[in-house]
Amino acid sequence: LRLSCAASGSIFRFNAMGWYRQAPGKQRELVAAITSGGTTNYA
């Protein structure tokens, strides 16, 4: 699957972005993140 997230505002390119997930009965957790410069990290 491919998820997309569209952001409003001109600040997008300066912000790190992340994807989180929350399964039933569990805490929300970081799945992946990407900085404004394109550096990534993953669970």
All heavy atoms as atom14 arrays in JSON, in Angstrom:
{
  "sequence": "LRLSCAASGSIFRFNAMGWYRQAPGKQRELVAAITSGGTTNYA",
  "atom14_mask": [
    [1, 1, 1, 1, 1, 1, 1, 1, 0, 0, 0, 0, 0, 0],
    [1, 1, 1, 1, 1, 1, 1, 1, 1, 1, 1, 0, 0, 0],
    [1, 1, 1, 1, 1, 1, 1, 1, 0, 0, 0, 0, 0, 0],
    [1, 1, 1, 1, 1, 1, 0, 0, 0, 0, 0, 0, 0, 0],
    [1, 1, 1, 1, 1, 1, 0, 0, 0, 0, 0, 0, 0, 0],
    [1, 1, 1, 1, 1, 0, 0, 0, 0, 0, 0, 0, 0, 0],
    [1, 1, 1, 1, 1, 0, 0, 0, 0, 0, 0, 0, 0, 0],
    [1, 1, 1, 1, 1, 1, 0, 0, 0, 0, 0, 0, 0, 0],
    [1, 1, 1, 1, 0, 0, 0, 0, 0, 0, 0, 0, 0, 0],
    [1, 1, 1, 1, 1, 1, 0, 0, 0, 0, 0, 0, 0, 0],
    [1, 1, 1, 1, 1, 1, 1, 1, 0, 0, 0, 0, 0, 0],
    [1, 1, 1, 1, 1, 1, 1, 1, 1, 1, 1, 0, 0, 0],
    [1, 1, 1, 1, 1, 1, 1, 1, 1, 1, 1, 0, 0, 0],
    [1, 1, 1, 1, 1, 1, 1, 1, 1, 1, 1, 0, 0, 0],
    [1, 1, 1, 1, 1, 1, 1, 1, 0, 0, 0, 0, 0, 0],
    [1, 1, 1, 1, 1, 0, 0, 0, 0, 0, 0, 0, 0, 0],
    [1, 1, 1, 1, 1, 1, 1, 1, 0, 0, 0, 0, 0, 0],
    [1, 1, 1, 1, 0, 0, 0, 0, 0, 0, 0, 0, 0, 0],
    [1, 1, 1, 1, 1, 1, 1, 1, 1, 1, 1, 1, 1, 1],
    [1, 1, 1, 1, 1, 1, 1, 1, 1, 1, 1, 1, 0, 0],
    [1, 1, 1, 1, 1, 1, 1, 1, 1, 1, 1, 0, 0, 0],
    [1, 1, 1, 1, 1, 1, 1, 1, 1, 0, 0, 0, 0, 0],
    [1, 1, 1, 1, 1, 0, 0, 0, 0, 0, 0, 0, 0, 0],
    [1, 1, 1, 1, 1, 1, 1, 0, 0, 0, 0, 0, 0, 0],
    [1, 1, 1, 1, 0, 0, 0, 0, 0, 0, 0, 0, 0, 0],
    [1, 1, 1, 1, 1, 1, 1, 1, 1, 0, 0, 0, 0, 0],
    [1, 1, 1, 1, 1, 1, 1, 1, 1, 0, 0, 0, 0, 0],
    [1, 1, 1, 1, 1, 1, 1, 1, 1, 1, 1, 0, 0, 0],
    [1, 1, 1, 1, 1, 1, 1, 1, 1, 0, 0, 0, 0, 0],
    [1, 1, 1, 1, 1, 1, 1, 1, 0, 0, 0, 0, 0, 0],
    [1, 1, 1, 1, 1, 1, 1, 0, 0, 0, 0, 0, 0, 0],
    [1, 1, 1, 1, 1, 0, 0, 0, 0, 0, 0, 0, 0, 0],
    [1, 1, 1, 1, 1, 0, 0, 0, 0, 0, 0, 0, 0, 0],
    [1, 1, 1, 1, 1, 1, 1, 1, 0, 0, 0, 0, 0, 0],
    [1, 1, 1, 1, 1, 1, 1, 0, 0, 0, 0, 0, 0, 0],
    [1, 1, 1, 1, 1, 1, 0, 0, 0, 0, 0, 0, 0, 0],
    [1, 1, 1, 1, 0, 0, 0, 0, 0, 0, 0, 0, 0, 0],
    [1, 1, 1, 1, 0, 0, 0, 0, 0, 0, 0, 0, 0, 0],
    [1, 1, 1, 1, 1, 1, 1, 0, 0, 0, 0, 0, 0, 0],
    [1, 1, 1, 1, 1, 1, 1, 0, 0, 0, 0, 0, 0, 0],
    [1, 1, 1, 1, 1, 1, 1, 1, 0, 0, 0, 0, 0, 0],
    [1, 1, 1, 1, 1, 1, 1, 1, 1, 1, 1, 1, 0, 0],
    [1, 1, 1, 1, 1, 0, 0, 0, 0, 0, 0, 0, 0, 0]
  ],
  "atom14_positions": [
    [[0.86, -1.18, 0.0], [0.0, 0.0, 0.0], [0.89, 1.23, 0.0], [2.03, 1.19, 0.5], [-0.91, 0.04, 1.24], [-2.14, -0.84, 1.27], [-2.8, -0.76, 2.65], [-3.13, -0.46, 0.18], [0.0, 0.0, 0.0], [0.0, 0.0, 0.0], [0.0, 0.0, 0.0], [0.0, 0.0, 0.0], [0.0, 0.0, 0.0], [0.0, 0.0, 0.0]],
    [[0.35, 2.31, -0.5], [1.07, 3.59, -0.5], [0.18, 4.63, 0.16], [-0.92, 4.91, -0.34], [1.43, 4.01, -1.91], [2.21, 5.31, -2.02], [2.52, 5.56, -3.49], [3.11, 6.85, -3.78], [4.4, 7.1, -3.81], [5.27, 6.14, -3.53], [4.86, 8.31, -4.1], [0.0, 0.0, 0.0], [0.0, 0.0, 0.0], [0.0, 0.0, 0.0]],
    [[0.65, 5.17, 1.25], [-0.07, 6.23, 1.93], [0.47, 7.58, 1.48], [1.67, 7.72, 1.21], [0.08, 6.1, 3.45], [-0.31, 4.76, 4.07], [-0.16, 4.84, 5.6], [-1.71, 4.36, 3.69], [0.0, 0.0, 0.0], [0.0, 0.0, 0.0], [0.0, 0.0, 0.0], [0.0, 0.0, 0.0], [0.0, 0.0, 0.0], [0.0, 0.0, 0.0]],
    [[-0.43, 8.56, 1.46], [-0.03, 9.92, 1.13], [-0.59, 10.86, 2.19], [-1.64, 10.59, 2.78], [-0.57, 10.32, -0.24], [-0.06, 9.49, -1.26], [0.0, 0.0, 0.0], [0.0, 0.0, 0.0], [0.0, 0.0, 0.0], [0.0, 0.0, 0.0], [0.0, 0.0, 0.0], [0.0, 0.0, 0.0], [0.0, 0.0, 0.0], [0.0, 0.0, 0.0]],
    [[0.11, 11.94, 2.4], [-0.34, 12.96, 3.35], [-0.08, 14.32, 2.73], [1.08, 14.68, 2.5], [0.38, 12.81, 4.67], [-0.02, 14.1, 5.88], [0.0, 0.0, 0.0], [0.0, 0.0, 0.0], [0.0, 0.0, 0.0], [0.0, 0.0, 0.0], [0.0, 0.0, 0.0], [0.0, 0.0, 0.0], [0.0, 0.0, 0.0], [0.0, 0.0, 0.0]],
    [[-1.15, 15.03, 2.47], [-1.04, 16.37, 1.88], [-1.09, 17.41, 2.99], [-1.96, 17.35, 3.87], [-2.17, 16.59, 0.89], [0.0, 0.0, 0.0], [0.0, 0.0, 0.0], [0.0, 0.0, 0.0], [0.0, 0.0, 0.0], [0.0, 0.0, 0.0], [0.0, 0.0, 0.0], [0.0, 0.0, 0.0], [0.0, 0.0, 0.0], [0.0, 0.0, 0.0]],
    [[-0.16, 18.34, 2.96], [-0.07, 19.37, 3.99], [-0.37, 20.74, 3.41], [0.02, 21.05, 2.28], [1.33, 19.36, 4.6], [0.0, 0.0, 0.0], [0.0, 0.0, 0.0], [0.0, 0.0, 0.0], [0.0, 0.0, 0.0], [0.0, 0.0, 0.0], [0.0, 0.0, 0.0], [0.0, 0.0, 0.0], [0.0, 0.0, 0.0], [0.0, 0.0, 0.0]],
    [[-1.08, 21.52, 4.17], [-1.33, 22.9, 3.76], [-0.21, 23.78, 4.29], [0.51, 23.41, 5.21], [-2.66, 23.38, 4.32], [-2.59, 23.43, 5.73], [0.0, 0.0, 0.0], [0.0, 0.0, 0.0], [0.0, 0.0, 0.0], [0.0, 0.0, 0.0], [0.0, 0.0, 0.0], [0.0, 0.0, 0.0], [0.0, 0.0, 0.0], [0.0, 0.0, 0.0]],
    [[-0.06, 24.94, 3.71], [0.9, 25.89, 4.26], [2.25, 25.86, 3.57], [2.7, 24.82, 3.1], [0.0, 0.0, 0.0], [0.0, 0.0, 0.0], [0.0, 0.0, 0.0], [0.0, 0.0, 0.0], [0.0, 0.0, 0.0], [0.0, 0.0, 0.0], [0.0, 0.0, 0.0], [0.0, 0.0, 0.0], [0.0, 0.0, 0.0], [0.0, 0.0, 0.0]],
    [[2.9, 27.0, 3.55], [4.18, 27.13, 2.86], [5.36, 26.64, 3.68], [6.47, 26.61, 3.19], [4.4, 28.61, 2.48], [4.39, 29.4, 3.66], [0.0, 0.0, 0.0], [0.0, 0.0, 0.0], [0.0, 0.0, 0.0], [0.0, 0.0, 0.0], [0.0, 0.0, 0.0], [0.0, 0.0, 0.0], [0.0, 0.0, 0.0], [0.0, 0.0, 0.0]],
    [[5.1, 26.25, 4.95], [6.2, 25.83, 5.8], [6.59, 24.38, 5.58], [7.57, 23.91, 6.13], [5.86, 26.01, 7.3], [4.66, 25.12, 7.68], [5.56, 27.46, 7.6], [4.4, 25.07, 9.15], [0.0, 0.0, 0.0], [0.0, 0.0, 0.0], [0.0, 0.0, 0.0], [0.0, 0.0, 0.0], [0.0, 0.0, 0.0], [0.0, 0.0, 0.0]],
    [[5.8, 23.67, 4.78], [6.0, 22.22, 4.65], [7.45, 21.88, 4.36], [8.03, 20.99, 4.97], [5.1, 21.67, 3.55], [5.33, 20.21, 3.24], [4.73, 19.24, 4.01], [6.15, 19.84, 2.19], [4.95, 17.9, 3.75], [6.37, 18.49, 1.92], [5.77, 17.52, 2.7], [0.0, 0.0, 0.0], [0.0, 0.0, 0.0], [0.0, 0.0, 0.0]],
    [[8.05, 22.58, 3.41], [9.38, 22.19, 2.97], [10.43, 22.38, 4.06], [11.54, 21.87, 3.94], [9.78, 22.97, 1.73], [9.98, 24.46, 1.95], [10.23, 25.16, 0.64], [9.1, 25.04, -0.26], [9.15, 25.28, -1.56], [10.3, 25.64, -2.1], [8.08, 25.16, -2.31], [0.0, 0.0, 0.0], [0.0, 0.0, 0.0], [0.0, 0.0, 0.0]],
    [[10.1, 23.11, 5.12], [11.07, 23.35, 6.19], [10.88, 22.4, 7.36], [11.64, 22.44, 8.33], [10.94, 24.79, 6.69], [11.11, 25.81, 5.6], [10.06, 26.61, 5.22], [12.32, 25.95, 4.97], [10.21, 27.55, 4.21], [12.49, 26.88, 3.95], [11.43, 27.68, 3.57], [0.0, 0.0, 0.0], [0.0, 0.0, 0.0], [0.0, 0.0, 0.0]],
    [[9.85, 21.58, 7.29], [9.48, 20.74, 8.44], [9.81, 19.28, 8.23], [9.62, 18.74, 7.15], [7.97, 20.86, 8.69], [7.63, 22.04, 9.54], [8.27, 23.08, 9.45], [6.62, 21.89, 10.37], [0.0, 0.0, 0.0], [0.0, 0.0, 0.0], [0.0, 0.0, 0.0], [0.0, 0.0, 0.0], [0.0, 0.0, 0.0], [0.0, 0.0, 0.0]],
    [[10.25, 18.66, 9.33], [10.3, 17.21, 9.34], [8.87, 16.68, 9.36], [7.95, 17.32, 9.88], [11.05, 16.71, 10.56], [0.0, 0.0, 0.0], [0.0, 0.0, 0.0], [0.0, 0.0, 0.0], [0.0, 0.0, 0.0], [0.0, 0.0, 0.0], [0.0, 0.0, 0.0], [0.0, 0.0, 0.0], [0.0, 0.0, 0.0], [0.0, 0.0, 0.0]],
    [[8.68, 15.52, 8.74], [7.36, 14.88, 8.68], [7.5, 13.45, 9.18], [8.54, 12.82, 9.02], [6.84, 14.86, 7.25], [6.67, 16.22, 6.61], [5.38, 17.2, 7.4], [3.94, 16.18, 7.09], [0.0, 0.0, 0.0], [0.0, 0.0, 0.0], [0.0, 0.0, 0.0], [0.0, 0.0, 0.0], [0.0, 0.0, 0.0], [0.0, 0.0, 0.0]],
    [[6.43, 12.96, 9.77], [6.47, 11.59, 10.27], [5.18, 10.86, 10.03], [4.12, 11.46, 9.83], [0.0, 0.0, 0.0], [0.0, 0.0, 0.0], [0.0, 0.0, 0.0], [0.0, 0.0, 0.0], [0.0, 0.0, 0.0], [0.0, 0.0, 0.0], [0.0, 0.0, 0.0], [0.0, 0.0, 0.0], [0.0, 0.0, 0.0], [0.0, 0.0, 0.0]],
    [[5.3, 9.55, 9.99], [4.14, 8.65, 9.99], [4.15, 7.87, 11.29], [5.18, 7.3, 11.68], [4.2, 7.68, 8.81], [3.86, 8.28, 7.49], [4.71, 8.73, 6.53], [2.54, 8.51, 6.99], [4.01, 9.22, 5.45], [2.66, 9.09, 5.7], [1.25, 8.26, 7.47], [1.58, 9.43, 4.92], [0.16, 8.61, 6.69], [0.33, 9.18, 5.43]],
    [[3.01, 7.85, 11.94], [2.81, 7.08, 13.16], [1.68, 6.09, 12.91], [0.91, 6.23, 11.96], [2.43, 8.0, 14.32], [3.53, 8.88, 14.84], [4.0, 9.96, 14.1], [4.11, 8.64, 16.09], [5.02, 10.77, 14.59], [5.12, 9.45, 16.59], [5.56, 10.51, 15.83], [6.57, 11.31, 16.32], [0.0, 0.0, 0.0], [0.0, 0.0, 0.0]],
    [[1.59, 5.13, 13.8], [0.45, 4.2, 13.72], [0.01, 3.83, 15.13], [0.8, 3.86, 16.08], [0.8, 2.96, 12.92], [1.84, 2.05, 13.56], [2.2, 0.92, 12.59], [3.19, 0.0, 13.16], [3.79, -0.97, 12.46], [3.49, -1.15, 11.18], [4.67, -1.75, 13.07], [0.0, 0.0, 0.0], [0.0, 0.0, 0.0], [0.0, 0.0, 0.0]],
    [[-1.26, 3.46, 15.19], [-1.82, 3.03, 16.48], [-2.74, 1.85, 16.24], [-3.74, 1.97, 15.52], [-2.59, 4.17, 17.16], [-3.03, 3.83, 18.56], [-3.48, 5.06, 19.33], [-3.79, 6.1, 18.76], [-3.49, 4.95, 20.65], [0.0, 0.0, 0.0], [0.0, 0.0, 0.0], [0.0, 0.0, 0.0], [0.0, 0.0, 0.0], [0.0, 0.0, 0.0]],
    [[-2.35, 0.73, 16.81], [-3.16, -0.48, 16.74], [-4.09, -0.51, 17.94], [-3.82, 0.12, 18.97], [-2.27, -1.71, 16.71], [0.0, 0.0, 0.0], [0.0, 0.0, 0.0], [0.0, 0.0, 0.0], [0.0, 0.0, 0.0], [0.0, 0.0, 0.0], [0.0, 0.0, 0.0], [0.0, 0.0, 0.0], [0.0, 0.0, 0.0], [0.0, 0.0, 0.0]],
    [[-5.19, -1.24, 17.84], [-6.14, -1.31, 18.96], [-5.46, -1.78, 20.25], [-4.73, -2.77, 20.25], [-7.16, -2.34, 18.48], [-7.11, -2.26, 17.0], [-5.68, -1.98, 16.66], [0.0, 0.0, 0.0], [0.0, 0.0, 0.0], [0.0, 0.0, 0.0], [0.0, 0.0, 0.0], [0.0, 0.0, 0.0], [0.0, 0.0, 0.0], [0.0, 0.0, 0.0]],
    [[-5.68, -1.03, 21.32], [-5.11, -1.39, 22.6], [-3.64, -1.09, 22.77], [-3.04, -1.45, 23.79], [0.0, 0.0, 0.0], [0.0, 0.0, 0.0], [0.0, 0.0, 0.0], [0.0, 0.0, 0.0], [0.0, 0.0, 0.0], [0.0, 0.0, 0.0], [0.0, 0.0, 0.0], [0.0, 0.0, 0.0], [0.0, 0.0, 0.0], [0.0, 0.0, 0.0]],
    [[-3.05, -0.43, 21.79], [-1.62, -0.12, 21.86], [-1.4, 1.38, 21.76], [-2.26, 2.12, 21.31], [-0.86, -0.84, 20.74], [-0.87, -2.35, 20.86], [0.04, -2.99, 19.83], [0.1, -4.5, 20.01], [1.01, -5.14, 19.02], [0.0, 0.0, 0.0], [0.0, 0.0, 0.0], [0.0, 0.0, 0.0], [0.0, 0.0, 0.0], [0.0, 0.0, 0.0]],
    [[-0.2, 1.79, 22.19], [0.14, 3.2, 22.1], [0.52, 3.56, 20.67], [0.95, 2.71, 19.87], [1.32, 3.51, 23.03], [0.96, 3.47, 24.51], [2.09, 3.97, 25.39], [3.26, 3.84, 25.06], [1.74, 4.56, 26.52], [0.0, 0.0, 0.0], [0.0, 0.0, 0.0], [0.0, 0.0, 0.0], [0.0, 0.0, 0.0], [0.0, 0.0, 0.0]],
    [[0.35, 4.82, 20.36], [0.77, 5.31, 19.06], [2.3, 5.23, 18.99], [3.0, 5.6, 19.93], [0.29, 6.74, 18.85], [0.44, 7.27, 17.45], [-0.26, 8.61, 17.28], [-1.71, 8.51, 17.47], [-2.55, 9.51, 17.21], [-2.09, 10.66, 16.74], [-3.84, 9.35, 17.43], [0.0, 0.0, 0.0], [0.0, 0.0, 0.0], [0.0, 0.0, 0.0]],
    [[2.8, 4.78, 17.85], [4.25, 4.61, 17.7], [4.72, 5.23, 16.39], [3.99, 5.26, 15.39], [4.64, 3.13, 17.72], [4.06, 2.29, 16.6], [4.56, 0.87, 16.58], [5.44, 0.51, 17.38], [4.07, 0.09, 15.72], [0.0, 0.0, 0.0], [0.0, 0.0, 0.0], [0.0, 0.0, 0.0], [0.0, 0.0, 0.0], [0.0, 0.0, 0.0]],
    [[5.96, 5.69, 16.42], [6.58, 6.24, 15.21], [6.93, 5.11, 14.26], [7.56, 4.12, 14.66], [7.84, 7.02, 15.57], [8.61, 7.6, 14.39], [7.82, 8.68, 13.67], [9.95, 8.16, 14.86], [0.0, 0.0, 0.0], [0.0, 0.0, 0.0], [0.0, 0.0, 0.0], [0.0, 0.0, 0.0], [0.0, 0.0, 0.0], [0.0, 0.0, 0.0]],
    [[6.53, 5.27, 13.01], [6.84, 4.29, 11.98], [8.03, 4.75, 11.16], [8.98, 4.0, 10.94], [5.62, 4.05, 11.06], [5.98, 3.11, 9.92], [4.44, 3.52, 11.86], [0.0, 0.0, 0.0], [0.0, 0.0, 0.0], [0.0, 0.0, 0.0], [0.0, 0.0, 0.0], [0.0, 0.0, 0.0], [0.0, 0.0, 0.0], [0.0, 0.0, 0.0]],
    [[7.97, 6.0, 10.7], [9.04, 6.53, 9.85], [9.0, 8.04, 9.9], [7.93, 8.63, 10.13], [8.89, 6.05, 8.41], [0.0, 0.0, 0.0], [0.0, 0.0, 0.0], [0.0, 0.0, 0.0], [0.0, 0.0, 0.0], [0.0, 0.0, 0.0], [0.0, 0.0, 0.0], [0.0, 0.0, 0.0], [0.0, 0.0, 0.0], [0.0, 0.0, 0.0]],
    [[10.15, 8.66, 9.69], [10.22, 10.11, 9.69], [11.21, 10.56, 8.63], [12.14, 9.8, 8.27], [10.62, 10.64, 11.06], [0.0, 0.0, 0.0], [0.0, 0.0, 0.0], [0.0, 0.0, 0.0], [0.0, 0.0, 0.0], [0.0, 0.0, 0.0], [0.0, 0.0, 0.0], [0.0, 0.0, 0.0], [0.0, 0.0, 0.0], [0.0, 0.0, 0.0]],
    [[11.02, 11.78, 8.16], [11.92, 12.34, 7.16], [12.13, 13.81, 7.47], [11.17, 14.54, 7.74], [11.37, 12.13, 5.73], [12.36, 12.63, 4.68], [10.0, 12.76, 5.55], [12.02, 12.17, 3.26], [0.0, 0.0, 0.0], [0.0, 0.0, 0.0], [0.0, 0.0, 0.0], [0.0, 0.0, 0.0], [0.0, 0.0, 0.0], [0.0, 0.0, 0.0]],
    [[13.39, 14.24, 7.47], [13.68, 15.64, 7.75], [13.44, 16.49, 6.5], [13.2, 15.97, 5.41], [15.14, 15.81, 8.19], [15.99, 15.53, 7.08], [15.47, 14.88, 9.36], [0.0, 0.0, 0.0], [0.0, 0.0, 0.0], [0.0, 0.0, 0.0], [0.0, 0.0, 0.0], [0.0, 0.0, 0.0], [0.0, 0.0, 0.0], [0.0, 0.0, 0.0]],
    [[13.54, 17.8, 6.67], [13.39, 18.69, 5.52], [14.48, 18.43, 4.48], [14.25, 18.63, 3.28], [13.43, 20.14, 5.98], [14.66, 20.41, 6.64], [0.0, 0.0, 0.0], [0.0, 0.0, 0.0], [0.0, 0.0, 0.0], [0.0, 0.0, 0.0], [0.0, 0.0, 0.0], [0.0, 0.0, 0.0], [0.0, 0.0, 0.0], [0.0, 0.0, 0.0]],
    [[15.61, 17.94, 4.91], [16.71, 17.64, 4.0], [16.68, 16.25, 3.41], [17.54, 15.9, 2.59], [0.0, 0.0, 0.0], [0.0, 0.0, 0.0], [0.0, 0.0, 0.0], [0.0, 0.0, 0.0], [0.0, 0.0, 0.0], [0.0, 0.0, 0.0], [0.0, 0.0, 0.0], [0.0, 0.0, 0.0], [0.0, 0.0, 0.0], [0.0, 0.0, 0.0]],
    [[15.7, 15.45, 3.83], [15.54, 14.13, 3.25], [16.15, 12.98, 4.05], [16.09, 11.83, 3.61], [0.0, 0.0, 0.0], [0.0, 0.0, 0.0], [0.0, 0.0, 0.0], [0.0, 0.0, 0.0], [0.0, 0.0, 0.0], [0.0, 0.0, 0.0], [0.0, 0.0, 0.0], [0.0, 0.0, 0.0], [0.0, 0.0, 0.0], [0.0, 0.0, 0.0]],
    [[16.7, 13.27, 5.22], [17.2, 12.19, 6.06], [16.04, 11.42, 6.66], [15.09, 12.02, 7.14], [18.09, 12.75, 7.18], [19.18, 13.47, 6.6], [18.63, 11.63, 8.05], [0.0, 0.0, 0.0], [0.0, 0.0, 0.0], [0.0, 0.0, 0.0], [0.0, 0.0, 0.0], [0.0, 0.0, 0.0], [0.0, 0.0, 0.0], [0.0, 0.0, 0.0]],
    [[16.15, 10.11, 6.61], [15.04, 9.26, 7.06], [15.44, 8.4, 8.25], [16.63, 8.1, 8.45], [14.56, 8.34, 5.93], [15.66, 7.52, 5.49], [14.05, 9.15, 4.75], [0.0, 0.0, 0.0], [0.0, 0.0, 0.0], [0.0, 0.0, 0.0], [0.0, 0.0, 0.0], [0.0, 0.0, 0.0], [0.0, 0.0, 0.0], [0.0, 0.0, 0.0]],
    [[14.45, 8.01, 9.01], [14.66, 6.97, 10.02], [13.38, 6.16, 10.15], [12.29, 6.65, 9.85], [15.1, 7.52, 11.37], [14.03, 8.31, 12.08], [13.75, 9.44, 11.73], [13.42, 7.69, 13.08], [0.0, 0.0, 0.0], [0.0, 0.0, 0.0], [0.0, 0.0, 0.0], [0.0, 0.0, 0.0], [0.0, 0.0, 0.0], [0.0, 0.0, 0.0]],
    [[13.56, 4.91, 10.57], [12.46, 3.96, 10.58], [12.43, 3.17, 11.88], [13.48, 2.92, 12.5], [12.62, 2.95, 9.43], [12.58, 3.56, 8.06], [13.75, 3.98, 7.44], [11.37, 3.73, 7.4], [13.71, 4.56, 6.19], [11.33, 4.3, 6.13], [12.51, 4.71, 5.53], [12.46, 5.28, 4.29], [0.0, 0.0, 0.0], [0.0, 0.0, 0.0]],
    [[11.25, 2.75, 12.27], [11.13, 1.79, 13.35], [11.77, 0.47, 12.9], [11.69, 0.11, 11.72], [9.67, 1.56, 13.7], [0.0, 0.0, 0.0], [0.0, 0.0, 0.0], [0.0, 0.0, 0.0], [0.0, 0.0, 0.0], [0.0, 0.0, 0.0], [0.0, 0.0, 0.0], [0.0, 0.0, 0.0], [0.0, 0.0, 0.0], [0.0, 0.0, 0.0]]
  ]
}
